[in-house]
Amino acid sequence: MMGIRRLAPLAALTAVVALSACDSTSTPTEPLGVQPFNAQIQVEDLVCTTITFDDQDPALVHGSLNVTQVTSAIGDVNISVTPKTGTRPVAAIYSGLNDDGPDFDLEGVGAGMLCPDCAAQQNMLIMLQDYVNQPGLSDAHMFDVEGDSENGGTIVMAMADGTAFYFYKGAALVDDDLGEASITVEVDGTLVHSATPLGDGTVEPVGDGTAYPISTSLEFVLAGSGAVDDIEICKEPDTPPGNEGCTPGYWKQEHHFGSWPVDPYTTNFGAVFGCSNVMAQNPESGDICGMLLLDVLSIRGGGNNALARHAAAAYLNASSSVLYPYSVAEVIALLNAFDKDALEAANESYCPLGRDEGEWEEPVQLPS
């Protein structure tokens, strides 16, 4: 089961990509009109990998049957199959380099090839035929005689460790036949991608760069014959060990700008946190999410102002060489939970950084 890593300070949180809800014990009293941050994890903060089924250890090759797990750079992935019909669901590996059937619509070489793009895909994950017509045949015999299931079903993928915050970004959906319902991709039961039926042999990449958080499972729903490949999954980077942290007062000083992981003169608070439309409690500070990260470090007051001030410092700590106890994703979770105290405590633990003026240049202000 794909899940969410929870450190002790975050044990009560339900972390999703756009967190906003919190209970009355963690939410300060806000003036009328002040909105929660709804900060989001940015895709660039994630570590991603692509599962191709071509380089698994132990190696999965054409003809591998009952595939229940594959390896990836960010963790092992469990695989299960639920067919529309039949009683012995089996996942298998079919190769687009195969040239002797039985699935000519998944092959890119040989005289009968129907999928010219499948050769480049090499190994693909399929659902084995479901034994409706020939229930007495063995798995291997069914693979040799029938190939993938003509009735379809669902391929379910879930992270084996279940201890990290995982995301799905995209995949290649193969052999979506003309006149057949689309192959679809669901995350936790919600439709996120759908193929366009174009006829035999279509290899269609889906995904626009959006990372969808996975709480339970990732599902590929096949209406009939088809395969999936090049599945891109991501996770939140591992939290660095340590108890270091620098205060907002450290980060806002110009002679410390060399320690900044981003440009202090151009980086917007809303850009790094993905938030919008949060009015500060201090009237002169305006919309916090529209301010520079540098300016947020200096806003005065409590409530949203204090929370944002420490969130800005926490982001810089988590993104720099500081051995901060929280990752960027966990900083966002604490921001959305209005947990200023946890951020403040981490920021005021121990700052290992010193004077570093760096080479950032303040933009020249042209006369209006």
Protein backbone atom coordinates (compact mmCIF):
# COMPACT_ATOMS: atom_id res chain seq x y z
CA MET A 1 0.00 0.00 0.00
CA MET A 2 1.30 3.39 -0.94
CA GLY A 3 1.33 5.64 2.08
CA ILE A 4 2.71 8.74 3.70
CA ARG A 5 5.79 8.96 5.87
CA ARG A 6 4.95 10.61 9.17
CA LEU A 7 7.55 11.99 11.53
CA ALA A 8 6.58 12.44 15.17
CA PRO A 9 5.62 16.14 14.81
CA LEU A 10 3.41 15.24 11.83
CA ALA A 11 1.74 12.17 13.27
CA ALA A 12 -1.68 13.81 13.38
CA LEU A 13 -1.53 15.20 9.84
CA THR A 14 -3.14 13.81 6.73
CA ALA A 15 -0.64 15.03 4.13
CA VAL A 16 -1.88 15.44 0.58
CA VAL A 17 -0.65 17.58 -2.24
CA ALA A 18 -2.92 20.50 -1.35
CA LEU A 19 -3.36 20.48 2.41
CA SER A 20 -5.66 22.97 4.06
CA ALA A 21 -7.78 21.34 6.73
CA CYS A 22 -6.79 21.44 10.40
CA ASP A 23 -8.47 21.02 13.74
CA SER A 24 -9.35 23.66 16.29
CA THR A 25 -6.40 22.77 18.49
CA SER A 26 -3.82 23.77 15.86
CA THR A 27 -5.55 26.72 14.18
CA PRO A 28 -5.01 30.21 15.59
CA THR A 29 -7.89 32.63 15.72
CA GLU A 30 -7.96 34.41 12.36
CA PRO A 31 -9.63 37.73 11.52
CA LEU A 32 -12.59 37.62 9.17
CA GLY A 33 -11.51 37.21 5.56
CA VAL A 34 -8.14 35.57 6.23
CA GLN A 35 -7.84 32.37 4.18
CA PRO A 36 -5.70 29.22 4.75
CA PHE A 37 -2.55 28.90 2.69
CA ASN A 38 -3.48 25.75 0.72
CA ALA A 39 0.22 25.37 -0.08
CA GLN A 40 1.18 22.65 -2.55
CA ILE A 41 4.17 20.41 -3.08
CA GLN A 42 6.00 21.48 -6.24
CA VAL A 43 6.91 18.80 -8.79
CA GLU A 44 10.53 19.95 -8.80
CA ASP A 45 10.78 18.99 -5.11
CA LEU A 46 10.10 15.32 -5.94
CA VAL A 47 12.43 12.45 -6.82
CA CYS A 48 11.06 10.56 -9.84
CA THR A 49 11.81 7.35 -11.74
CA THR A 50 10.32 5.46 -14.69
CA ILE A 51 9.40 1.78 -14.50
CA THR A 52 10.11 0.27 -17.93
CA PHE A 53 10.01 -3.51 -17.19
CA ASP A 54 13.19 -3.75 -19.30
CA ASP A 55 15.83 -3.74 -16.57
CA GLN A 56 14.29 -5.40 -13.54
CA ASP A 57 16.32 -7.28 -10.95
CA PRO A 58 15.75 -10.18 -11.07
CA ALA A 59 15.33 -9.59 -14.81
CA LEU A 60 11.84 -9.88 -16.21
CA VAL A 61 11.88 -10.96 -19.84
CA HIS A 62 9.30 -11.74 -22.48
CA GLY A 63 7.19 -14.57 -21.17
CA SER A 64 7.56 -13.80 -17.46
CA LEU A 65 4.30 -14.86 -15.80
CA ASN A 66 2.61 -14.02 -12.54
CA VAL A 67 4.58 -10.81 -12.11
CA THR A 68 3.83 -9.68 -8.57
CA GLN A 69 6.59 -7.12 -7.96
CA VAL A 70 9.04 -4.94 -9.88
CA THR A 71 11.93 -2.85 -8.64
CA SER A 72 12.40 0.87 -9.06
CA ALA A 73 14.93 3.46 -8.00
CA ILE A 74 12.57 4.73 -5.31
CA GLY A 75 11.22 1.44 -4.00
CA ASP A 76 9.70 -1.91 -4.94
CA VAL A 77 6.22 -1.90 -6.49
CA ASN A 78 3.65 -4.65 -5.85
CA ILE A 79 1.41 -5.68 -8.75
CA SER A 80 -1.95 -7.44 -8.67
CA VAL A 81 -4.60 -8.07 -11.30
CA THR A 82 -8.39 -8.09 -11.17
CA PRO A 83 -9.85 -9.41 -14.46
CA LYS A 84 -13.37 -8.63 -15.62
CA THR A 85 -13.91 -12.36 -16.12
CA GLY A 86 -12.06 -15.51 -15.10
CA THR A 87 -10.77 -16.76 -11.80
CA ARG A 88 -6.95 -16.87 -12.07
CA PRO A 89 -5.66 -13.33 -12.56
CA VAL A 90 -2.05 -13.20 -13.71
CA ALA A 91 0.15 -10.28 -14.76
CA ALA A 92 2.76 -11.05 -17.41
CA ILE A 93 5.50 -9.45 -19.51
CA TYR A 94 5.09 -9.21 -23.28
CA SER A 95 7.87 -7.95 -25.53
CA GLY A 96 7.31 -5.66 -28.47
CA LEU A 97 10.41 -7.32 -29.95
CA ASN A 98 8.60 -10.64 -30.17
CA ASP A 99 7.93 -11.68 -33.77
CA ASP A 100 5.98 -14.92 -33.55
CA GLY A 101 2.73 -14.03 -31.78
CA PRO A 102 0.31 -14.68 -30.31
CA ASP A 103 -0.21 -10.92 -29.78
CA PHE A 104 0.65 -9.42 -33.15
CA ASP A 105 -1.07 -6.19 -32.08
CA LEU A 106 1.62 -5.79 -29.39
CA GLU A 107 4.58 -6.54 -31.67
CA GLY A 108 6.81 -4.20 -33.64
CA VAL A 109 8.90 -6.67 -35.65
CA GLY A 110 8.15 -9.53 -38.00
CA ALA A 111 5.85 -9.96 -40.97
CA GLY A 112 2.63 -9.67 -39.03
CA MET A 113 3.53 -6.66 -36.91
CA LEU A 114 0.61 -4.40 -36.01
CA CYS A 115 2.39 -2.12 -33.53
CA PRO A 116 5.42 -0.45 -35.13
CA ASP A 117 6.05 1.61 -31.99
CA CYS A 118 6.00 -1.45 -29.70
CA ALA A 119 9.55 -2.49 -30.63
CA ALA A 120 10.87 0.66 -28.96
CA GLN A 121 8.84 -0.14 -25.84
CA GLN A 122 10.48 -3.58 -25.50
CA ASN A 123 8.96 -5.20 -22.38
CA MET A 124 5.41 -4.21 -21.43
CA LEU A 125 3.09 -5.27 -18.62
CA ILE A 126 -0.06 -7.14 -19.68
CA MET A 127 -2.91 -9.05 -18.09
CA LEU A 128 -2.90 -12.71 -19.10
CA GLN A 129 -5.87 -14.25 -20.85
CA ASP A 130 -8.58 -15.05 -18.32
CA TYR A 131 -9.38 -18.74 -19.01
CA VAL A 132 -13.04 -18.23 -19.86
CA ASN A 133 -12.88 -20.23 -23.07
CA GLN A 134 -10.15 -22.70 -22.08
CA PRO A 135 -10.13 -22.95 -18.26
CA GLY A 136 -8.08 -26.15 -18.25
CA LEU A 137 -4.95 -24.64 -19.75
CA SER A 138 -1.93 -23.71 -17.63
CA ASP A 139 -0.70 -20.13 -17.31
CA ALA A 140 2.24 -20.80 -19.63
CA HIS A 141 0.03 -22.49 -22.23
CA MET A 142 -2.49 -19.65 -22.12
CA PHE A 143 0.32 -17.16 -22.67
CA ASP A 144 1.58 -19.10 -25.68
CA VAL A 145 -1.88 -19.61 -27.17
CA GLU A 146 -3.85 -16.48 -26.31
CA GLY A 147 -1.53 -13.77 -25.02
CA ASP A 148 -3.16 -10.89 -23.16
CA SER A 149 -6.76 -10.80 -22.00
CA GLU A 150 -9.36 -9.84 -24.57
CA ASN A 151 -11.86 -8.98 -21.82
CA GLY A 152 -9.64 -6.65 -19.80
CA GLY A 153 -9.72 -5.76 -16.15
CA THR A 154 -7.62 -3.76 -13.70
CA ILE A 155 -3.87 -3.81 -13.03
CA VAL A 156 -3.25 -2.51 -9.51
CA MET A 157 0.14 -1.13 -8.42
CA ALA A 158 1.12 -0.18 -4.85
CA MET A 159 4.43 0.62 -3.18
CA ALA A 160 5.78 -2.32 -1.22
CA ASP A 161 7.20 -0.37 1.72
CA GLY A 162 4.16 1.83 2.31
CA THR A 163 6.27 4.34 4.24
CA ALA A 164 6.75 7.29 1.92
CA PHE A 165 4.70 9.93 0.16
CA TYR A 166 4.38 8.71 -3.46
CA PHE A 167 3.04 10.31 -6.65
CA TYR A 168 2.08 9.20 -10.17
CA LYS A 169 2.99 11.41 -13.15
CA GLY A 170 2.42 9.48 -16.37
CA ALA A 171 2.69 6.28 -18.40
CA ALA A 172 2.57 4.78 -21.89
CA LEU A 173 -0.77 3.14 -22.70
CA VAL A 174 -0.41 0.54 -25.46
CA ASP A 175 -2.77 -0.96 -28.05
CA ASP A 176 -5.95 1.00 -27.40
CA ASP A 177 -8.07 -0.46 -30.21
CA LEU A 178 -10.40 1.57 -32.37
CA GLY A 179 -13.96 0.95 -31.22
CA GLU A 180 -12.78 -0.20 -27.79
CA ALA A 181 -13.24 1.81 -24.61
CA SER A 182 -10.19 3.80 -23.54
CA ILE A 183 -7.50 2.51 -21.23
CA THR A 184 -7.79 4.69 -18.12
CA VAL A 185 -5.55 5.49 -15.17
CA GLU A 186 -6.99 6.00 -11.70
CA VAL A 187 -5.28 7.21 -8.54
CA ASP A 188 -7.14 6.23 -5.36
CA GLY A 189 -10.24 5.62 -7.46
CA THR A 190 -10.14 9.00 -9.24
CA LEU A 191 -9.68 9.15 -13.03
CA VAL A 192 -6.54 11.12 -13.94
CA HIS A 193 -5.63 9.94 -17.46
CA SER A 194 -7.39 8.37 -20.40
CA ALA A 195 -6.06 7.08 -23.71
CA THR A 196 -7.53 8.03 -27.07
CA PRO A 197 -8.62 4.95 -29.07
CA LEU A 198 -6.74 5.25 -32.36
CA GLY A 199 -6.62 1.66 -33.62
CA ASP A 200 -4.33 -1.33 -33.23
CA GLY A 201 -0.75 -0.63 -32.29
CA THR A 202 -1.16 2.76 -30.66
CA VAL A 203 1.47 3.64 -28.06
CA GLU A 204 0.17 6.75 -26.34
CA PRO A 205 2.12 8.59 -23.62
CA VAL A 206 -0.16 10.28 -21.08
CA GLY A 207 0.75 12.89 -18.49
CA ASP A 208 1.30 16.65 -18.51
CA GLY A 209 3.81 16.92 -15.67
CA THR A 210 1.19 16.96 -12.91
CA ALA A 211 2.11 14.75 -9.94
CA TYR A 212 -0.88 12.99 -8.37
CA PRO A 213 -0.41 11.91 -4.72
CA ILE A 214 -1.15 8.23 -4.06
CA SER A 215 -2.65 7.28 -0.72
CA THR A 216 -3.61 3.69 -1.53
CA SER A 217 -3.11 2.50 -5.11
CA LEU A 218 -2.51 3.28 -8.76
CA GLU A 219 -4.81 1.44 -11.17
CA PHE A 220 -4.72 0.85 -14.93
CA VAL A 221 -8.16 -0.15 -16.21
CA LEU A 222 -8.17 -2.04 -19.52
CA ALA A 223 -11.38 -2.47 -21.49
CA GLY A 224 -9.84 -5.33 -23.45
CA SER A 225 -6.49 -6.17 -25.01
CA GLY A 226 -3.72 -3.78 -24.01
CA ALA A 227 -0.51 -3.11 -22.11
CA VAL A 228 1.10 -0.45 -19.91
CA ASP A 229 4.69 0.71 -19.81
CA ASP A 230 6.99 3.61 -18.83
CA ILE A 231 5.17 4.30 -15.57
CA GLU A 232 6.61 7.40 -13.91
CA ILE A 233 6.33 7.50 -10.14
CA CYS A 234 7.82 9.97 -7.69
CA LYS A 235 8.27 10.42 -3.99
CA GLU A 236 9.09 13.11 -1.54
CA PRO A 237 12.87 13.27 -0.94
CA ASP A 238 14.12 11.60 2.20
CA THR A 239 14.21 13.90 5.20
CA PRO A 240 17.82 14.71 6.08
CA PRO A 241 18.80 13.70 9.61
CA GLY A 242 19.78 16.39 12.06
CA ASN A 243 18.50 19.15 14.28
CA GLU A 244 19.89 22.22 12.55
CA GLY A 245 17.91 25.27 11.52
CA CYS A 246 18.48 28.98 10.90
CA THR A 247 16.04 31.69 11.94
CA PRO A 248 14.14 34.16 9.76
CA GLY A 249 16.52 36.77 11.14
CA TYR A 250 19.50 34.93 9.69
CA TRP A 251 18.01 34.39 6.25
CA LYS A 252 16.80 37.98 5.75
CA GLN A 253 20.26 39.55 6.14
CA GLU A 254 22.01 40.52 2.92
CA HIS A 255 25.42 39.24 4.07
CA HIS A 256 23.85 35.76 4.33
CA PHE A 257 22.36 35.70 0.83
CA GLY A 258 25.17 33.42 -0.35
CA SER A 259 23.58 30.64 1.69
CA TRP A 260 20.24 30.98 -0.12
CA PRO A 261 19.34 28.03 -2.39
CA VAL A 262 17.22 30.39 -4.55
CA ASP A 263 17.53 34.01 -5.71
CA PRO A 264 16.42 36.22 -2.77
CA TYR A 265 15.54 39.10 -5.09
CA THR A 266 13.17 37.24 -7.41
CA THR A 267 11.80 34.20 -5.55
CA ASN A 268 8.14 34.56 -4.66
CA PHE A 269 6.62 32.99 -1.52
CA GLY A 270 3.62 31.76 -3.51
CA ALA A 271 5.87 30.25 -6.18
CA VAL A 272 7.80 28.00 -3.80
CA PHE A 273 4.72 27.01 -1.79
CA GLY A 274 2.15 26.96 -4.59
CA CYS A 275 -0.28 29.03 -2.50
CA SER A 276 -2.49 31.99 -3.35
CA ASN A 277 -4.78 34.63 -1.85
CA VAL A 278 -3.71 34.78 1.80
CA MET A 279 -4.16 38.17 3.42
CA ALA A 280 -1.72 39.05 6.20
CA GLN A 281 -2.84 40.22 9.60
CA ASN A 282 -0.56 43.24 9.20
CA PRO A 283 -2.37 45.56 6.77
CA GLU A 284 0.80 46.96 5.19
CA SER A 285 2.17 43.53 4.31
CA GLY A 286 -0.70 42.75 1.91
CA ASP A 287 -1.12 39.33 0.31
CA ILE A 288 1.56 37.04 1.76
CA CYS A 289 1.48 34.64 -1.17
CA GLY A 290 2.18 37.50 -3.56
CA MET A 291 5.25 38.70 -1.69
CA LEU A 292 8.91 37.90 -2.19
CA LEU A 293 10.18 35.17 0.10
CA LEU A 294 12.71 37.72 1.37
CA ASP A 295 10.01 40.21 2.34
CA VAL A 296 7.96 37.56 4.15
CA LEU A 297 10.93 36.94 6.46
CA SER A 298 10.53 40.49 7.79
CA ILE A 299 6.77 40.85 8.22
CA ARG A 300 5.70 41.54 11.81
CA GLY A 301 2.89 40.16 13.92
CA GLY A 302 1.44 36.81 14.90
CA GLY A 303 -1.11 34.50 13.30
CA ASN A 304 -0.61 34.07 9.55
CA ASN A 305 2.30 36.52 9.61
CA ALA A 306 4.33 34.56 12.15
CA LEU A 307 3.41 31.28 10.47
CA ALA A 308 4.51 32.56 7.05
CA ARG A 309 7.69 34.09 8.45
CA HIS A 310 8.80 30.78 9.91
CA ALA A 311 7.59 28.80 6.89
CA ALA A 312 9.79 30.96 4.65
CA ALA A 313 12.82 30.28 6.84
CA ALA A 314 11.90 26.58 7.02
CA TYR A 315 11.77 26.34 3.24
CA LEU A 316 15.26 27.85 2.97
CA ASN A 317 16.55 25.51 5.66
CA ALA A 318 15.04 22.42 4.03
CA SER A 319 16.33 23.39 0.58
CA SER A 320 19.87 24.29 1.66
CA SER A 321 22.85 22.44 3.16
CA VAL A 322 21.34 22.79 6.64
CA LEU A 323 20.57 19.39 8.24
CA TYR A 324 16.97 20.37 8.86
CA PRO A 325 14.55 17.87 10.48
CA TYR A 326 11.83 18.44 7.85
CA SER A 327 11.68 18.04 4.07
CA VAL A 328 10.03 20.69 1.90
CA ALA A 329 6.89 18.55 1.75
CA GLU A 330 6.76 18.35 5.53
CA VAL A 331 7.29 22.10 5.82
CA ILE A 332 4.26 22.53 3.56
CA ALA A 333 2.25 20.12 5.71
CA LEU A 334 3.09 22.11 8.83
CA LEU A 335 2.25 25.38 7.06
CA ASN A 336 -1.16 24.08 6.06
CA ALA A 337 -1.74 22.74 9.57
CA PHE A 338 -0.98 26.19 11.07
CA ASP A 339 1.77 24.59 13.16
CA LYS A 340 3.94 27.66 13.65
CA ASP A 341 5.39 26.29 16.88
CA ALA A 342 6.96 23.24 15.19
CA LEU A 343 8.52 25.38 12.45
CA GLU A 344 9.76 27.96 14.94
CA ALA A 345 11.33 25.31 17.17
CA ALA A 346 13.18 23.76 14.22
CA ASN A 347 14.32 27.17 12.93
CA GLU A 348 15.74 28.12 16.29
CA SER A 349 17.64 24.89 17.04
CA TYR A 350 21.18 25.51 15.74
CA CYS A 351 22.35 27.43 12.67
CA PRO A 352 25.55 26.00 11.13
CA LEU A 353 25.85 28.75 8.53
CA GLY A 354 27.91 31.93 8.78
CA ARG A 355 28.51 35.06 6.77
CA ASP A 356 28.20 34.47 3.02
CA GLU A 357 27.39 37.42 0.80
CA GLY A 358 27.20 35.35 -2.37
CA GLU A 359 26.76 36.72 -5.89
CA TRP A 360 23.05 37.45 -6.09
CA GLU A 361 22.39 40.84 -7.68
CA GLU A 362 19.43 43.04 -6.82
CA PRO A 363 17.47 43.92 -9.98
CA VAL A 364 17.89 47.51 -11.17
CA GLN A 365 14.71 49.50 -10.64
CA LEU A 366 13.94 51.55 -13.73
CA PRO A 367 12.18 54.89 -13.27
CA SER A 368 8.47 54.73 -14.02
